[in-house]
C-alpha atoms as a PDB file:
ATOM      1  CA  GLY A   1       1.453   7.485  16.007  1.00  0.00           C
ATOM      2  CA  VAL A   2       0.584   6.123  12.589  1.00  0.00           C
ATOM      3  CA  ILE A   3      -3.042   5.416  13.514  1.00  0.00           C
ATOM      4  CA  ASN A   4      -3.578   9.092  14.288  1.00  0.00           C
ATOM      5  CA  GLN A   5      -1.695  10.010  11.111  1.00  0.00           C
ATOM      6  CA  VAL A   6      -3.894   7.932   8.821  1.00  0.00           C
ATOM      7  CA  ALA A   7      -7.097   9.014  10.595  1.00  0.00           C
ATOM      8  CA  GLY A   8      -6.069  12.678  10.339  1.00  0.00           C
ATOM      9  CA  ASN A   9      -5.298  12.202   6.662  1.00  0.00           C
ATOM     10  CA  LEU A  10      -8.852  10.955   6.067  1.00  0.00           C
ATOM     11  CA  GLN A  11     -10.289  13.974   7.927  1.00  0.00           C
ATOM     12  CA  GLN A  12      -8.254  16.316   5.711  1.00  0.00           C
ATOM     13  CA  HIS A  13      -9.255  14.686   2.400  1.00  0.00           C
ATOM     14  CA  ASN A  14     -13.014  14.728   1.912  1.00  0.00           C
ATOM     15  CA  ASP A  15     -12.536  13.510  -1.666  1.00  0.00           C
ATOM     16  CA  ALA A  16     -10.893  10.288  -0.439  1.00  0.00           C
ATOM     17  CA  ALA A  17     -12.954   7.198   0.382  1.00  0.00           C
ATOM     18  CA  LEU A  18     -10.086   5.847   2.435  1.00  0.00           C
ATOM     19  CA  CYS A  19      -6.513   6.689   3.310  1.00  0.00           C
ATOM     20  CA  SER A  20      -3.401   4.640   3.832  1.00  0.00           C
ATOM     21  CA  LEU A  21       0.341   4.987   4.247  1.00  0.00           C
ATOM     22  CA  TYR A  22       3.525   4.150   2.402  1.00  0.00           C
ATOM     23  CA  GLU A  23       7.196   3.995   3.184  1.00  0.00           C
ATOM     24  CA  VAL A  24       9.958   4.729   0.674  1.00  0.00           C
ATOM     25  CA  ILE A  25      11.739   1.509  -0.271  1.00  0.00           C
ATOM     26  CA  THR A  26      15.465   1.724   0.338  1.00  0.00           C
ATOM     27  CA  GLU A  27      16.427  -1.946  -0.138  1.00  0.00           C
ATOM     28  CA  ALA A  28      16.961  -3.008  -3.763  1.00  0.00           C
ATOM     29  CA  ASN A  29      15.783  -6.584  -3.132  1.00  0.00           C
ATOM     30  CA  GLU A  30      12.434  -5.291  -1.849  1.00  0.00           C
ATOM     31  CA  ILE A  31      11.609  -3.591  -5.172  1.00  0.00           C
ATOM     32  CA  ASN A  32      11.181  -6.936  -6.938  1.00  0.00           C
ATOM     33  CA  ASP A  33       9.772  -8.835  -3.932  1.00  0.00           C
ATOM     34  CA  PRO A  34       6.124  -9.716  -4.671  1.00  0.00           C
ATOM     35  CA  ASN A  35       5.418  -9.775  -0.930  1.00  0.00           C
ATOM     36  CA  ALA A  36       6.269  -6.066  -0.745  1.00  0.00           C
ATOM     37  CA  VAL A  37       3.254  -4.278  -2.208  1.00  0.00           C
ATOM     38  CA  LYS A  38       4.188  -1.165  -4.148  1.00  0.00           C
ATOM     39  CA  VAL A  39       2.042   1.907  -4.802  1.00  0.00           C
ATOM     40  CA  VAL A  40       2.363   4.734  -7.296  1.00  0.00           C
ATOM     41  CA  THR A  41       0.644   8.032  -6.605  1.00  0.00           C
ATOM     42  CA  ASP A  42      -0.335  11.169  -8.475  1.00  0.00           C
ATOM     43  CA  ALA A  43       0.954  14.656  -7.644  1.00  0.00           C
ATOM     44  CA  GLN A  44      -1.756  15.100  -4.969  1.00  0.00           C
ATOM     45  CA  GLY A  45      -0.920  11.821  -3.237  1.00  0.00           C
ATOM     46  CA  PHE A  46      -3.822   9.747  -4.554  1.00  0.00           C
ATOM     47  CA  ALA A  47      -3.046   6.137  -5.407  1.00  0.00           C
ATOM     48  CA  LEU A  48      -2.881   5.403  -9.110  1.00  0.00           C
ATOM     49  CA  TYR A  49      -2.194   1.680  -8.687  1.00  0.00           C
ATOM     50  CA  PHE A  50      -0.985  -0.952  -6.231  1.00  0.00           C
ATOM     51  CA  SER A  51       1.053  -3.939  -7.376  1.00  0.00           C
ATOM     52  CA  ARG A  52       3.253  -6.774  -6.261  1.00  0.00           C
ATOM     53  CA  ALA A  53       5.414  -5.962  -9.309  1.00  0.00           C
ATOM     54  CA  ALA A  54       8.130  -3.324  -9.382  1.00  0.00           C
ATOM     55  CA  ILE A  55       6.194  -0.165 -10.199  1.00  0.00           C
ATOM     56  CA  PRO A  56       7.038   2.214 -11.687  1.00  0.00           C
ATOM     57  CA  PHE A  57       8.959   0.156 -14.238  1.00  0.00           C
ATOM     58  CA  GLU A  58      12.242   1.794 -15.225  1.00  0.00           C
ATOM     59  CA  ARG A  59      12.439   0.997 -18.934  1.00  0.00           C
ATOM     60  CA  ASP A  60      15.804   2.613 -19.652  1.00  0.00           C
ATOM     61  CA  LYS A  61      17.263   2.182 -16.159  1.00  0.00           C
ATOM     62  CA  THR A  62      18.494   5.784 -16.314  1.00  0.00           C
ATOM     63  CA  SER A  63      16.262   7.549 -13.828  1.00  0.00           C
ATOM     64  CA  GLU A  64      15.911   7.006 -10.141  1.00  0.00           C
ATOM     65  CA  ALA A  65      12.281   6.128  -9.601  1.00  0.00           C
ATOM     66  CA  ASP A  66      10.697   6.489  -6.187  1.00  0.00           C
ATOM     67  CA  TYR A  67       9.477   3.108  -4.987  1.00  0.00           C
ATOM     68  CA  LYS A  68       6.868   3.148  -2.254  1.00  0.00           C
ATOM     69  CA  ARG A  69       5.970   0.151  -0.079  1.00  0.00           C
ATOM     70  CA  HIS A  70       2.327   0.173   0.928  1.00  0.00           C
ATOM     71  CA  ILE A  71       1.688  -0.082   4.648  1.00  0.00           C
ATOM     72  CA  GLY A  72      -1.517  -2.098   5.070  1.00  0.00           C
ATOM     73  CA  LEU A  73      -3.166   0.290   7.518  1.00  0.00           C
ATOM     74  CA  TYR A  74      -6.338   2.082   6.437  1.00  0.00           C
ATOM     75  CA  ALA A  75      -8.664   4.790   7.653  1.00  0.00           C
ATOM     76  CA  CYS A  76     -12.021   4.288   6.008  1.00  0.00           C
ATOM     77  CA  ARG A  77     -15.458   5.842   6.088  1.00  0.00           C
ATOM     78  CA  VAL A  78     -18.281   3.581   7.348  1.00  0.00           C
ATOM     79  CA  SER A  79     -20.255   4.136   4.133  1.00  0.00           C
ATOM     80  CA  THR A  80     -17.223   2.981   2.150  1.00  0.00           C
ATOM     81  CA  LEU A  81     -16.986  -0.261   4.119  1.00  0.00           C
ATOM     82  CA  ARG A  82     -20.696  -0.917   3.682  1.00  0.00           C
ATOM     83  CA  ALA A  83     -20.343  -0.501  -0.073  1.00  0.00           C
ATOM     84  CA  PHE A  84     -17.164  -2.614  -0.233  1.00  0.00           C
ATOM     85  CA  VAL A  85     -18.739  -5.756   1.206  1.00  0.00           C
ATOM     86  CA  GLY A  86     -21.435  -5.661  -1.463  1.00  0.00           C
ATOM     87  CA  TRP A  87     -19.059  -5.506  -4.413  1.00  0.00           C
ATOM     88  CA  ALA A  88     -17.861  -8.592  -6.231  1.00  0.00           C
ATOM     89  CA  THR A  89     -14.136  -9.210  -6.344  1.00  0.00           C
ATOM     90  CA  GLY A  90     -12.761  -7.493  -9.450  1.00  0.00           C
ATOM     91  CA  LYS A  91     -10.292  -8.695 -12.052  1.00  0.00           C
ATOM     92  CA  LEU A  92      -7.431  -6.553 -10.753  1.00  0.00           C
ATOM     93  CA  GLU A  93      -8.002  -7.691  -7.165  1.00  0.00           C
ATOM     94  CA  ASN A  94      -8.085 -11.326  -8.322  1.00  0.00           C
ATOM     95  CA  SER A  95      -4.905 -10.880 -10.331  1.00  0.00           C
ATOM     96  CA  GLU A  96      -2.809  -9.082  -7.699  1.00  0.00           C
ATOM     97  CA  LYS A  97      -4.578 -10.507  -4.613  1.00  0.00           C
ATOM     98  CA  LEU A  98      -4.849  -6.975  -3.202  1.00  0.00           C
ATOM     99  CA  GLU A  99      -8.193  -5.943  -1.703  1.00  0.00           C
ATOM    100  CA  GLN A 100      -7.501  -2.220  -2.060  1.00  0.00           C
ATOM    101  CA  LEU A 101      -7.836  -2.637  -5.817  1.00  0.00           C
ATOM    102  CA  ARG A 102     -11.539  -3.456  -5.316  1.00  0.00           C
ATOM    103  CA  PHE A 103     -12.052   0.107  -4.073  1.00  0.00           C
ATOM    104  CA  MET A 104     -10.208   1.521  -7.070  1.00  0.00           C
ATOM    105  CA  GLU A 105     -12.028  -0.735  -9.548  1.00  0.00           C
ATOM    106  CA  ASN A 106     -15.255   0.761  -8.191  1.00  0.00           C
ATOM    107  CA  GLY A 107     -14.049   4.333  -8.737  1.00  0.00           C
ATOM    108  CA  LEU A 108     -13.098   5.252  -5.176  1.00  0.00           C
ATOM    109  CA  LYS A 109     -10.044   7.325  -4.367  1.00  0.00           C
ATOM    110  CA  ILE A 110      -7.368   6.293  -1.879  1.00  0.00           C
ATOM    111  CA  HIS A 111      -5.154   9.034  -0.501  1.00  0.00           C
ATOM    112  CA  MET A 112      -1.633   8.006   0.476  1.00  0.00           C
ATOM    113  CA  ALA A 113       0.813   9.692   2.843  1.00  0.00           C
ATOM    114  CA  GLN A 114       4.371   8.842   3.728  1.00  0.00           C
ATOM    115  CA  THR A 115       4.443   7.322   7.193  1.00  0.00           C
ATOM    116  CA  LEU A 116       5.976   9.467   9.909  1.00  0.00           C
ATOM    117  CA  GLU A 117       7.269   6.348  11.696  1.00  0.00           C
ATOM    118  CA  SER A 118       9.267   3.423  10.367  1.00  0.00           C
ATOM    119  CA  ILE A 119       7.014   0.384  10.057  1.00  0.00           C
ATOM    120  CA  PRO A 120       8.628  -3.043   9.776  1.00  0.00           C
ATOM    121  CA  PRO A 121       7.358  -5.333   7.022  1.00  0.00           C
ATOM    122  CA  GLY A 122       4.718  -7.873   8.023  1.00  0.00           C
ATOM    123  CA  VAL A 123       5.317 -11.542   8.679  1.00  0.00           C
ATOM    124  CA  ASP A 124       3.569 -12.951   5.613  1.00  0.00           C
ATOM    125  CA  THR A 125       5.784 -15.793   4.406  1.00  0.00           C
ATOM    126  CA  ASP A 126       7.847 -18.661   5.829  1.00  0.00           C
ATOM    127  CA  ALA A 127      10.986 -16.655   5.000  1.00  0.00           C
ATOM    128  CA  ASP A 128       9.623 -13.713   7.038  1.00  0.00           C
ATOM    129  CA  LEU A 129       8.941 -16.050   9.967  1.00  0.00           C
ATOM    130  CA  GLN A 130      12.450 -17.502   9.805  1.00  0.00           C
ATOM    131  CA  HIS A 131      13.895 -13.970   9.765  1.00  0.00           C
ATOM    132  CA  VAL A 132      11.919 -13.045  12.904  1.00  0.00           C
ATOM    133  CA  LYS A 133      12.994 -16.271  14.638  1.00  0.00           C
ATOM    134  CA  THR A 134      16.637 -15.489  13.834  1.00  0.00           C
ATOM    135  CA  LEU A 135      16.255 -11.962  15.228  1.00  0.00           C
ATOM    136  CA  LEU A 136      14.671 -13.272  18.422  1.00  0.00           C
ATOM    137  CA  GLU A 137      17.412 -15.883  18.907  1.00  0.00           C
ATOM    138  CA  GLN A 138      20.068 -13.144  18.757  1.00  0.00           C
END
């Protein structure tokens, strides 16, 4: 499944320090939800930035931007992990509270691929927990 997908992505991209996945956001309320981490990528699929904010920002509200929800699953090289634990937390990571920004602040590339399977959002907040409880009670 997705574990093989992300591992295969890392094998195919020698210029990436780590790889991860995203899912296209289809729910309007998720775009502005700070608990849904968004990612923007370049034409080759490398992450340009991760944010809890709605990125890209549609200034004129005339285009249909692609919003991508980051799936917090990584494939990473051992040397990358060894380096990561030695780095201080950076300003961007502190601001967004997103550890993947520490890699980017240290010049490493993260390759992103659209997940081949639908991944439900995590249970990260009390509202998420209440939603899961409601689903289970049904």
